[in-house]
Amino acid sequence: MSHTLTAARVPAPGRILSRELEARGWTQKDLAEIMGRPIQTINEIIRGSKQITPETAIELSQALGTSFEFWTNLEAKYRHKTITRKEKPMKKPPIG
């Protein structure tokens, strides 16, 4: 039996947001108007070129009836996964 653990898949926050909008029948413009943000901000989050800041997480949670922690945790986990994927293994220093 293998004891190797694999990392769980962490979806991009923008993908989750896009699916949530679709499920509600909302457009990016609808959400932007509710949040009082430019549509470009919503589009950039969905495309993954803009991170969800704590301020944006508050606005998303209020607009969508979700928790602030949902968005901040999702963003943090996704960014952590992205960073660890790019890390190069550290070389061991020579002994002696």
PDB file of N, CA and C in Angstrom:
ATOM      1  N   MET A   1       0.841  -1.173   0.000  1.00  0.00           N
ATOM      2  CA  MET A   1       0.000   0.000   0.000  1.00  0.00           C
ATOM      3  C   MET A   1       0.890   1.241   0.000  1.00  0.00           C
ATOM      4  N   SER A   2       0.532   2.199  -0.792  1.00  0.00           N
ATOM      5  CA  SER A   2       1.297   3.439  -0.900  1.00  0.00           C
ATOM      6  C   SER A   2       0.884   4.407   0.205  1.00  0.00           C
ATOM      7  N   HIS A   3       1.873   5.081   0.766  1.00  0.00           N
ATOM      8  CA  HIS A   3       1.606   6.076   1.803  1.00  0.00           C
ATOM      9  C   HIS A   3       1.873   7.483   1.296  1.00  0.00           C
ATOM     10  N   THR A   4       1.846   7.654  -0.002  1.00  0.00           N
ATOM     11  CA  THR A   4       2.081   8.956  -0.603  1.00  0.00           C
ATOM     12  C   THR A   4       0.793   9.760  -0.583  1.00  0.00           C
ATOM     13  N   LEU A   5       0.898  10.984  -0.113  1.00  0.00           N
ATOM     14  CA  LEU A   5      -0.262  11.872  -0.108  1.00  0.00           C
ATOM     15  C   LEU A   5      -0.197  12.782  -1.318  1.00  0.00           C
ATOM     16  N   THR A   6      -1.323  13.016  -1.921  1.00  0.00           N
ATOM     17  CA  THR A   6      -1.372  13.956  -3.034  1.00  0.00           C
ATOM     18  C   THR A   6      -2.150  15.186  -2.589  1.00  0.00           C
ATOM     19  N   ALA A   7      -1.752  16.306  -3.093  1.00  0.00           N
ATOM     20  CA  ALA A   7      -2.432  17.551  -2.743  1.00  0.00           C
ATOM     21  C   ALA A   7      -3.844  17.551  -3.307  1.00  0.00           C
ATOM     22  N   ALA A   8      -4.753  18.031  -2.496  1.00  0.00           N
ATOM     23  CA  ALA A   8      -6.132  18.153  -2.962  1.00  0.00           C
ATOM     24  C   ALA A   8      -6.191  19.233  -4.031  1.00  0.00           C
ATOM     25  N   ARG A   9      -7.099  19.070  -4.937  1.00  0.00           N
ATOM     26  CA  ARG A   9      -7.264  20.091  -5.971  1.00  0.00           C
ATOM     27  C   ARG A   9      -7.913  21.314  -5.348  1.00  0.00           C
ATOM     28  N   VAL A  10      -7.312  22.431  -5.599  1.00  0.00           N
ATOM     29  CA  VAL A  10      -7.842  23.695  -5.099  1.00  0.00           C
ATOM     30  C   VAL A  10      -8.250  24.514  -6.315  1.00  0.00           C
ATOM     31  N   PRO A  11      -9.543  24.730  -6.484  1.00  0.00           N
ATOM     32  CA  PRO A  11      -9.980  25.489  -7.661  1.00  0.00           C
ATOM     33  C   PRO A  11      -9.613  26.965  -7.539  1.00  0.00           C
ATOM     34  N   ALA A  12      -9.448  27.589  -8.672  1.00  0.00           N
ATOM     35  CA  ALA A  12      -9.180  29.029  -8.695  1.00  0.00           C
ATOM     36  C   ALA A  12     -10.411  29.764  -8.168  1.00  0.00           C
ATOM     37  N   PRO A  13     -10.208  30.774  -7.333  1.00  0.00           N
ATOM     38  CA  PRO A  13     -11.347  31.529  -6.815  1.00  0.00           C
ATOM     39  C   PRO A  13     -12.240  32.092  -7.918  1.00  0.00           C
ATOM     40  N   GLY A  14     -11.637  32.524  -9.013  1.00  0.00           N
ATOM     41  CA  GLY A  14     -12.423  33.054 -10.121  1.00  0.00           C
ATOM     42  C   GLY A  14     -13.340  32.019 -10.739  1.00  0.00           C
ATOM     43  N   ARG A  15     -12.883  30.777 -10.748  1.00  0.00           N
ATOM     44  CA  ARG A  15     -13.719  29.698 -11.287  1.00  0.00           C
ATOM     45  C   ARG A  15     -14.942  29.472 -10.394  1.00  0.00           C
ATOM     46  N   ILE A  16     -14.715  29.492  -9.090  1.00  0.00           N
ATOM     47  CA  ILE A  16     -15.826  29.346  -8.142  1.00  0.00           C
ATOM     48  C   ILE A  16     -16.801  30.511  -8.295  1.00  0.00           C
ATOM     49  N   LEU A  17     -16.263  31.721  -8.406  1.00  0.00           N
ATOM     50  CA  LEU A  17     -17.109  32.902  -8.559  1.00  0.00           C
ATOM     51  C   LEU A  17     -17.917  32.826  -9.848  1.00  0.00           C
ATOM     52  N   SER A  18     -17.288  32.405 -10.925  1.00  0.00           N
ATOM     53  CA  SER A  18     -17.974  32.279 -12.207  1.00  0.00           C
ATOM     54  C   SER A  18     -19.129  31.286 -12.115  1.00  0.00           C
ATOM     55  N   ARG A  19     -18.880  30.156 -11.475  1.00  0.00           N
ATOM     56  CA  ARG A  19     -19.938  29.142 -11.316  1.00  0.00           C
ATOM     57  C   ARG A  19     -21.079  29.656 -10.440  1.00  0.00           C
ATOM     58  N   GLU A  20     -20.732  30.421  -9.416  1.00  0.00           N
ATOM     59  CA  GLU A  20     -21.755  30.980  -8.535  1.00  0.00           C
ATOM     60  C   GLU A  20     -22.637  31.971  -9.293  1.00  0.00           C
ATOM     61  N   LEU A  21     -22.021  32.802 -10.108  1.00  0.00           N
ATOM     62  CA  LEU A  21     -22.803  33.748 -10.906  1.00  0.00           C
ATOM     63  C   LEU A  21     -23.729  33.005 -11.864  1.00  0.00           C
ATOM     64  N   GLU A  22     -23.190  31.976 -12.503  1.00  0.00           N
ATOM     65  CA  GLU A  22     -23.989  31.185 -13.444  1.00  0.00           C
ATOM     66  C   GLU A  22     -25.174  30.534 -12.736  1.00  0.00           C
ATOM     67  N   ALA A  23     -24.938  29.984 -11.557  1.00  0.00           N
ATOM     68  CA  ALA A  23     -26.011  29.320 -10.804  1.00  0.00           C
ATOM     69  C   ALA A  23     -27.120  30.298 -10.418  1.00  0.00           C
ATOM     70  N   ARG A  24     -26.752  31.543 -10.196  1.00  0.00           N
ATOM     71  CA  ARG A  24     -27.732  32.559  -9.818  1.00  0.00           C
ATOM     72  C   ARG A  24     -28.362  33.257 -11.021  1.00  0.00           C
ATOM     73  N   GLY A  25     -27.806  33.002 -12.205  1.00  0.00           N
ATOM     74  CA  GLY A  25     -28.294  33.690 -13.393  1.00  0.00           C
ATOM     75  C   GLY A  25     -27.842  35.137 -13.450  1.00  0.00           C
ATOM     76  N   TRP A  26     -26.735  35.436 -12.774  1.00  0.00           N
ATOM     77  CA  TRP A  26     -26.196  36.789 -12.737  1.00  0.00           C
ATOM     78  C   TRP A  26     -25.089  36.945 -13.762  1.00  0.00           C
ATOM     79  N   THR A  27     -24.908  38.160 -14.220  1.00  0.00           N
ATOM     80  CA  THR A  27     -23.771  38.485 -15.077  1.00  0.00           C
ATOM     81  C   THR A  27     -22.685  39.128 -14.208  1.00  0.00           C
ATOM     82  N   GLN A  28     -21.519  39.285 -14.801  1.00  0.00           N
ATOM     83  CA  GLN A  28     -20.450  39.997 -14.099  1.00  0.00           C
ATOM     84  C   GLN A  28     -20.895  41.428 -13.799  1.00  0.00           C
ATOM     85  N   LYS A  29     -21.639  42.003 -14.727  1.00  0.00           N
ATOM     86  CA  LYS A  29     -22.140  43.367 -14.542  1.00  0.00           C
ATOM     87  C   LYS A  29     -23.090  43.435 -13.354  1.00  0.00           C
ATOM     88  N   ASP A  30     -23.955  42.421 -13.215  1.00  0.00           N
ATOM     89  CA  ASP A  30     -24.879  42.390 -12.074  1.00  0.00           C
ATOM     90  C   ASP A  30     -24.107  42.433 -10.756  1.00  0.00           C
ATOM     91  N   LEU A  31     -23.105  41.567 -10.638  1.00  0.00           N
ATOM     92  CA  LEU A  31     -22.328  41.510  -9.402  1.00  0.00           C
ATOM     93  C   LEU A  31     -21.564  42.812  -9.178  1.00  0.00           C
ATOM     94  N   ALA A  32     -20.992  43.352 -10.232  1.00  0.00           N
ATOM     95  CA  ALA A  32     -20.248  44.613 -10.116  1.00  0.00           C
ATOM     96  C   ALA A  32     -21.149  45.726  -9.582  1.00  0.00           C
ATOM     97  N   GLU A  33     -22.376  45.787 -10.072  1.00  0.00           N
ATOM     98  CA  GLU A  33     -23.313  46.816  -9.619  1.00  0.00           C
ATOM     99  C   GLU A  33     -23.689  46.613  -8.160  1.00  0.00           C
ATOM    100  N   ILE A  34     -23.922  45.361  -7.760  1.00  0.00           N
ATOM    101  CA  ILE A  34     -24.274  45.060  -6.370  1.00  0.00           C
ATOM    102  C   ILE A  34     -23.132  45.450  -5.433  1.00  0.00           C
ATOM    103  N   MET A  35     -21.907  45.164  -5.860  1.00  0.00           N
ATOM    104  CA  MET A  35     -20.734  45.434  -5.027  1.00  0.00           C
ATOM    105  C   MET A  35     -20.251  46.876  -5.129  1.00  0.00           C
ATOM    106  N   GLY A  36     -20.731  47.604  -6.139  1.00  0.00           N
ATOM    107  CA  GLY A  36     -20.260  48.967  -6.346  1.00  0.00           C
ATOM    108  C   GLY A  36     -18.834  49.011  -6.861  1.00  0.00           C
ATOM    109  N   ARG A  37     -18.492  48.005  -7.644  1.00  0.00           N
ATOM    110  CA  ARG A  37     -17.142  47.890  -8.212  1.00  0.00           C
ATOM    111  C   ARG A  37     -17.224  47.956  -9.728  1.00  0.00           C
ATOM    112  N   PRO A  38     -16.124  48.315 -10.384  1.00  0.00           N
ATOM    113  CA  PRO A  38     -16.110  48.277 -11.850  1.00  0.00           C
ATOM    114  C   PRO A  38     -16.223  46.829 -12.332  1.00  0.00           C
ATOM    115  N   ILE A  39     -16.887  46.644 -13.445  1.00  0.00           N
ATOM    116  CA  ILE A  39     -17.019  45.300 -14.015  1.00  0.00           C
ATOM    117  C   ILE A  39     -15.641  44.702 -14.303  1.00  0.00           C
ATOM    118  N   GLN A  40     -14.673  45.549 -14.613  1.00  0.00           N
ATOM    119  CA  GLN A  40     -13.315  45.083 -14.897  1.00  0.00           C
ATOM    120  C   GLN A  40     -12.735  44.325 -13.696  1.00  0.00           C
ATOM    121  N   THR A  41     -13.032  44.781 -12.492  1.00  0.00           N
ATOM    122  CA  THR A  41     -12.537  44.110 -11.284  1.00  0.00           C
ATOM    123  C   THR A  41     -13.072  42.688 -11.201  1.00  0.00           C
ATOM    124  N   ILE A  42     -14.364  42.535 -11.438  1.00  0.00           N
ATOM    125  CA  ILE A  42     -14.983  41.205 -11.387  1.00  0.00           C
ATOM    126  C   ILE A  42     -14.388  40.325 -12.476  1.00  0.00           C
ATOM    127  N   ASN A  43     -14.241  40.872 -13.662  1.00  0.00           N
ATOM    128  CA  ASN A  43     -13.676  40.121 -14.780  1.00  0.00           C
ATOM    129  C   ASN A  43     -12.248  39.675 -14.483  1.00  0.00           C
ATOM    130  N   GLU A  44     -11.457  40.541 -13.887  1.00  0.00           N
ATOM    131  CA  GLU A  44     -10.068  40.193 -13.569  1.00  0.00           C
ATOM    132  C   GLU A  44      -9.990  39.098 -12.507  1.00  0.00           C
ATOM    133  N   ILE A  45     -10.894  39.116 -11.546  1.00  0.00           N
ATOM    134  CA  ILE A  45     -10.938  38.044 -10.539  1.00  0.00           C
ATOM    135  C   ILE A  45     -11.295  36.732 -11.218  1.00  0.00           C
ATOM    136  N   ILE A  46     -12.292  36.755 -12.076  1.00  0.00           N
ATOM    137  CA  ILE A  46     -12.725  35.533 -12.762  1.00  0.00           C
ATOM    138  C   ILE A  46     -11.625  34.996 -13.668  1.00  0.00           C
ATOM    139  N   ARG A  47     -10.899  35.873 -14.338  1.00  0.00           N
ATOM    140  CA  ARG A  47      -9.800  35.431 -15.215  1.00  0.00           C
ATOM    141  C   ARG A  47      -8.555  35.021 -14.436  1.00  0.00           C
ATOM    142  N   GLY A  48      -8.507  35.377 -13.158  1.00  0.00           N
ATOM    143  CA  GLY A  48      -7.365  35.003 -12.335  1.00  0.00           C
ATOM    144  C   GLY A  48      -6.224  35.991 -12.350  1.00  0.00           C
ATOM    145  N   SER A  49      -6.441  37.157 -12.948  1.00  0.00           N
ATOM    146  CA  SER A  49      -5.367  38.148 -12.992  1.00  0.00           C
ATOM    147  C   SER A  49      -5.411  39.096 -11.794  1.00  0.00           C
ATOM    148  N   LYS A  50      -6.458  38.985 -10.980  1.00  0.00           N
ATOM    149  CA  LYS A  50      -6.579  39.816  -9.781  1.00  0.00           C
ATOM    150  C   LYS A  50      -6.924  38.919  -8.598  1.00  0.00           C
ATOM    151  N   GLN A  51      -6.212  39.115  -7.508  1.00  0.00           N
ATOM    152  CA  GLN A  51      -6.470  38.333  -6.303  1.00  0.00           C
ATOM    153  C   GLN A  51      -7.653  38.906  -5.536  1.00  0.00           C
ATOM    154  N   ILE A  52      -8.253  38.064  -4.721  1.00  0.00           N
ATOM    155  CA  ILE A  52      -9.338  38.518  -3.857  1.00  0.00           C
ATOM    156  C   ILE A  52      -8.701  39.072  -2.585  1.00  0.00           C
ATOM    157  N   THR A  53      -8.819  40.367  -2.408  1.00  0.00           N
ATOM    158  CA  THR A  53      -8.280  41.033  -1.222  1.00  0.00           C
ATOM    159  C   THR A  53      -9.275  40.874  -0.070  1.00  0.00           C
ATOM    160  N   PRO A  54      -8.860  41.159   1.158  1.00  0.00           N
ATOM    161  CA  PRO A  54      -9.824  41.108   2.265  1.00  0.00           C
ATOM    162  C   PRO A  54     -11.034  42.015   2.030  1.00  0.00           C
ATOM    163  N   GLU A  55     -10.801  43.186   1.469  1.00  0.00           N
ATOM    164  CA  GLU A  55     -11.914  44.105   1.196  1.00  0.00           C
ATOM    165  C   GLU A  55     -12.890  43.504   0.182  1.00  0.00           C
ATOM    166  N   THR A  56     -12.337  42.901  -0.861  1.00  0.00           N
ATOM    167  CA  THR A  56     -13.184  42.266  -1.876  1.00  0.00           C
ATOM    168  C   THR A  56     -13.914  41.073  -1.288  1.00  0.00           C
ATOM    169  N   ALA A  57     -13.255  40.333  -0.412  1.00  0.00           N
ATOM    170  CA  ALA A  57     -13.890  39.178   0.230  1.00  0.00           C
ATOM    171  C   ALA A  57     -15.100  39.610   1.053  1.00  0.00           C
ATOM    172  N   ILE A  58     -14.987  40.740   1.726  1.00  0.00           N
ATOM    173  CA  ILE A  58     -16.125  41.266   2.496  1.00  0.00           C
ATOM    174  C   ILE A  58     -17.275  41.587   1.552  1.00  0.00           C
ATOM    175  N   GLU A  59     -16.969  42.263   0.461  1.00  0.00           N
ATOM    176  CA  GLU A  59     -18.013  42.641  -0.498  1.00  0.00           C
ATOM    177  C   GLU A  59     -18.643  41.417  -1.152  1.00  0.00           C
ATOM    178  N   LEU A  60     -17.823  40.426  -1.508  1.00  0.00           N
ATOM    179  CA  LEU A  60     -18.361  39.193  -2.096  1.00  0.00           C
ATOM    180  C   LEU A  60     -19.263  38.474  -1.106  1.00  0.00           C
ATOM    181  N   SER A  61     -18.833  38.398   0.145  1.00  0.00           N
ATOM    182  CA  SER A  61     -19.638  37.694   1.146  1.00  0.00           C
ATOM    183  C   SER A  61     -20.981  38.383   1.355  1.00  0.00           C
ATOM    184  N   GLN A  62     -20.992  39.706   1.333  1.00  0.00           N
ATOM    185  CA  GLN A  62     -22.247  40.443   1.490  1.00  0.00           C
ATOM    186  C   GLN A  62     -23.143  40.290   0.264  1.00  0.00           C
ATOM    187  N   ALA A  63     -22.551  40.341  -0.908  1.00  0.00           N
ATOM    188  CA  ALA A  63     -23.332  40.246  -2.147  1.00  0.00           C
ATOM    189  C   ALA A  63     -23.890  38.848  -2.373  1.00  0.00           C
ATOM    190  N   LEU A  64     -23.119  37.830  -1.975  1.00  0.00           N
ATOM    191  CA  LEU A  64     -23.496  36.450  -2.289  1.00  0.00           C
ATOM    192  C   LEU A  64     -24.046  35.677  -1.095  1.00  0.00           C
ATOM    193  N   GLY A  65     -24.015  36.283   0.085  1.00  0.00           N
ATOM    194  CA  GLY A  65     -24.514  35.590   1.270  1.00  0.00           C
ATOM    195  C   GLY A  65     -23.596  34.460   1.713  1.00  0.00           C
ATOM    196  N   THR A  66     -22.313  34.613   1.451  1.00  0.00           N
ATOM    197  CA  THR A  66     -21.326  33.624   1.875  1.00  0.00           C
ATOM    198  C   THR A  66     -20.513  34.245   3.008  1.00  0.00           C
ATOM    199  N   SER A  67     -19.551  33.492   3.505  1.00  0.00           N
ATOM    200  CA  SER A  67     -18.723  34.045   4.574  1.00  0.00           C
ATOM    201  C   SER A  67     -17.478  34.711   4.001  1.00  0.00           C
ATOM    202  N   PHE A  68     -16.984  35.671   4.744  1.00  0.00           N
ATOM    203  CA  PHE A  68     -15.714  36.327   4.432  1.00  0.00           C
ATOM    204  C   PHE A  68     -14.604  35.280   4.382  1.00  0.00           C
ATOM    205  N   GLU A  69     -14.624  34.360   5.345  1.00  0.00           N
ATOM    206  CA  GLU A  69     -13.590  33.331   5.446  1.00  0.00           C
ATOM    207  C   GLU A  69     -13.572  32.410   4.237  1.00  0.00           C
ATOM    208  N   PHE A  70     -14.726  32.156   3.658  1.00  0.00           N
ATOM    209  CA  PHE A  70     -14.775  31.295   2.475  1.00  0.00           C
ATOM    210  C   PHE A  70     -13.862  31.855   1.389  1.00  0.00           C
ATOM    211  N   TRP A  71     -13.987  33.136   1.106  1.00  0.00           N
ATOM    212  CA  TRP A  71     -13.220  33.750   0.019  1.00  0.00           C
ATOM    213  C   TRP A  71     -11.754  33.933   0.380  1.00  0.00           C
ATOM    214  N   THR A  72     -11.470  34.341   1.618  1.00  0.00           N
ATOM    215  CA  THR A  72     -10.067  34.533   1.998  1.00  0.00           C
ATOM    216  C   THR A  72      -9.332  33.201   2.076  1.00  0.00           C
ATOM    217  N   ASN A  73      -9.985  32.173   2.612  1.00  0.00           N
ATOM    218  CA  ASN A  73      -9.347  30.853   2.679  1.00  0.00           C
ATOM    219  C   ASN A  73      -9.133  30.271   1.290  1.00  0.00           C
ATOM    220  N   LEU A  74     -10.124  30.419   0.434  1.00  0.00           N
ATOM    221  CA  LEU A  74     -10.002  29.913  -0.930  1.00  0.00           C
ATOM    222  C   LEU A  74      -8.837  30.591  -1.649  1.00  0.00           C
ATOM    223  N   GLU A  75      -8.752  31.896  -1.528  1.00  0.00           N
ATOM    224  CA  GLU A  75      -7.664  32.645  -2.164  1.00  0.00           C
ATOM    225  C   GLU A  75      -6.310  32.213  -1.605  1.00  0.00           C
ATOM    226  N   ALA A  76      -6.219  32.101  -0.285  1.00  0.00           N
ATOM    227  CA  ALA A  76      -4.943  31.721   0.342  1.00  0.00           C
ATOM    228  C   ALA A  76      -4.512  30.317  -0.078  1.00  0.00           C
ATOM    229  N   LYS A  77      -5.445  29.379  -0.074  1.00  0.00           N
ATOM    230  CA  LYS A  77      -5.110  28.004  -0.464  1.00  0.00           C
ATOM    231  C   LYS A  77      -4.700  27.929  -1.929  1.00  0.00           C
ATOM    232  N   TYR A  78      -5.399  28.662  -2.767  1.00  0.00           N
ATOM    233  CA  TYR A  78      -5.070  28.654  -4.195  1.00  0.00           C
ATOM    234  C   TYR A  78      -3.686  29.257  -4.429  1.00  0.00           C
ATOM    235  N   ARG A  79      -3.395  30.383  -3.798  1.00  0.00           N
ATOM    236  CA  ARG A  79      -2.084  31.023  -3.969  1.00  0.00           C
ATOM    237  C   ARG A  79      -0.978  30.137  -3.410  1.00  0.00           C
ATOM    238  N   HIS A  80      -1.227  29.476  -2.288  1.00  0.00           N
ATOM    239  CA  HIS A  80      -0.231  28.572  -1.713  1.00  0.00           C
ATOM    240  C   HIS A  80       0.062  27.436  -2.682  1.00  0.00           C
ATOM    241  N   LYS A  81      -0.989  26.870  -3.260  1.00  0.00           N
ATOM    242  CA  LYS A  81      -0.803  25.782  -4.226  1.00  0.00           C
ATOM    243  C   LYS A  81      -0.002  26.268  -5.424  1.00  0.00           C
ATOM    244  N   THR A  82      -0.309  27.454  -5.890  1.00  0.00           N
ATOM    245  CA  THR A  82       0.383  28.015  -7.047  1.00  0.00           C
ATOM    246  C   THR A  82       1.867  28.229  -6.747  1.00  0.00           C
ATOM    247  N   ILE A  83       2.167  28.742  -5.568  1.00  0.00           N
ATOM    248  CA  ILE A  83       3.559  28.997  -5.186  1.00  0.00           C
ATOM    249  C   ILE A  83       4.321  27.693  -5.013  1.00  0.00           C
ATOM    250  N   THR A  84       3.738  26.724  -4.319  1.00  0.00           N
ATOM    251  CA  THR A  84       4.454  25.473  -4.063  1.00  0.00           C
ATOM    252  C   THR A  84       4.682  24.688  -5.340  1.00  0.00           C
ATOM    253  N   ARG A  85       3.842  24.866  -6.314  1.00  0.00           N
ATOM    254  CA  ARG A  85       4.040  24.205  -7.605  1.00  0.00           C
ATOM    255  C   ARG A  85       5.273  24.730  -8.322  1.00  0.00           C
ATOM    256  N   LYS A  86       5.569  26.008  -8.106  1.00  0.00           N
ATOM    257  CA  LYS A  86       6.677  26.658  -8.794  1.00  0.00           C
ATOM    258  C   LYS A  86       8.001  26.528  -8.047  1.00  0.00           C
ATOM    259  N   GLU A  87       7.956  26.090  -6.783  1.00  0.00           N
ATOM    260  CA  GLU A  87       9.183  26.003  -5.991  1.00  0.00           C
ATOM    261  C   GLU A  87      10.127  24.959  -6.550  1.00  0.00           C
ATOM    262  N   LYS A  88      11.393  25.293  -6.501  1.00  0.00           N
ATOM    263  CA  LYS A  88      12.421  24.342  -6.909  1.00  0.00           C
ATOM    264  C   LYS A  88      12.926  23.646  -5.652  1.00  0.00           C
ATOM    265  N   PRO A  89      13.266  22.370  -5.757  1.00  0.00           N
ATOM    266  CA  PRO A  89      13.798  21.689  -4.578  1.00  0.00           C
ATOM    267  C   PRO A  89      15.097  22.354  -4.125  1.00  0.00           C
ATOM    268  N   MET A  90      15.259  22.447  -2.822  1.00  0.00           N
ATOM    269  CA  MET A  90      16.477  23.042  -2.280  1.00  0.00           C
ATOM    270  C   MET A  90      17.613  22.037  -2.364  1.00  0.00           C
ATOM    271  N   LYS A  91      18.775  22.541  -2.700  1.00  0.00           N
ATOM    272  CA  LYS A  91      19.949  21.679  -2.744  1.00  0.00           C
ATOM    273  C   LYS A  91      20.458  21.480  -1.325  1.00  0.00           C
ATOM    274  N   LYS A  92      20.899  20.271  -1.041  1.00  0.00           N
ATOM    275  CA  LYS A  92      21.455  19.985   0.274  1.00  0.00           C
ATOM    276  C   LYS A  92      22.885  20.499   0.317  1.00  0.00           C
ATOM    277  N   PRO A  93      23.246  21.160   1.418  1.00  0.00           N
ATOM    278  CA  PRO A  93      24.622  21.650   1.515  1.00  0.00           C
ATOM    279  C   PRO A  93      25.586  20.478   1.671  1.00  0.00           C
ATOM    280  N   PRO A  94      26.805  20.635   1.166  1.00  0.00           N
ATOM    281  CA  PRO A  94      27.779  19.550   1.312  1.00  0.00           C
ATOM    282  C   PRO A  94      28.109  19.328   2.782  1.00  0.00           C
ATOM    283  N   ILE A  95      28.286  18.096   3.129  1.00  0.00           N
ATOM    284  CA  ILE A  95      28.612  17.740   4.512  1.00  0.00           C
ATOM    285  C   ILE A  95      30.125  17.648   4.656  1.00  0.00           C
ATOM    286  N   GLY A  96      30.641  18.253   5.732  1.00  0.00           N
ATOM    287  CA  GLY A  96      32.033  18.114   6.109  1.00  0.00           C
ATOM    288  C   GLY A  96      32.943  18.974   5.412  1.00  0.00           C
TER     289      GLY A  96
END
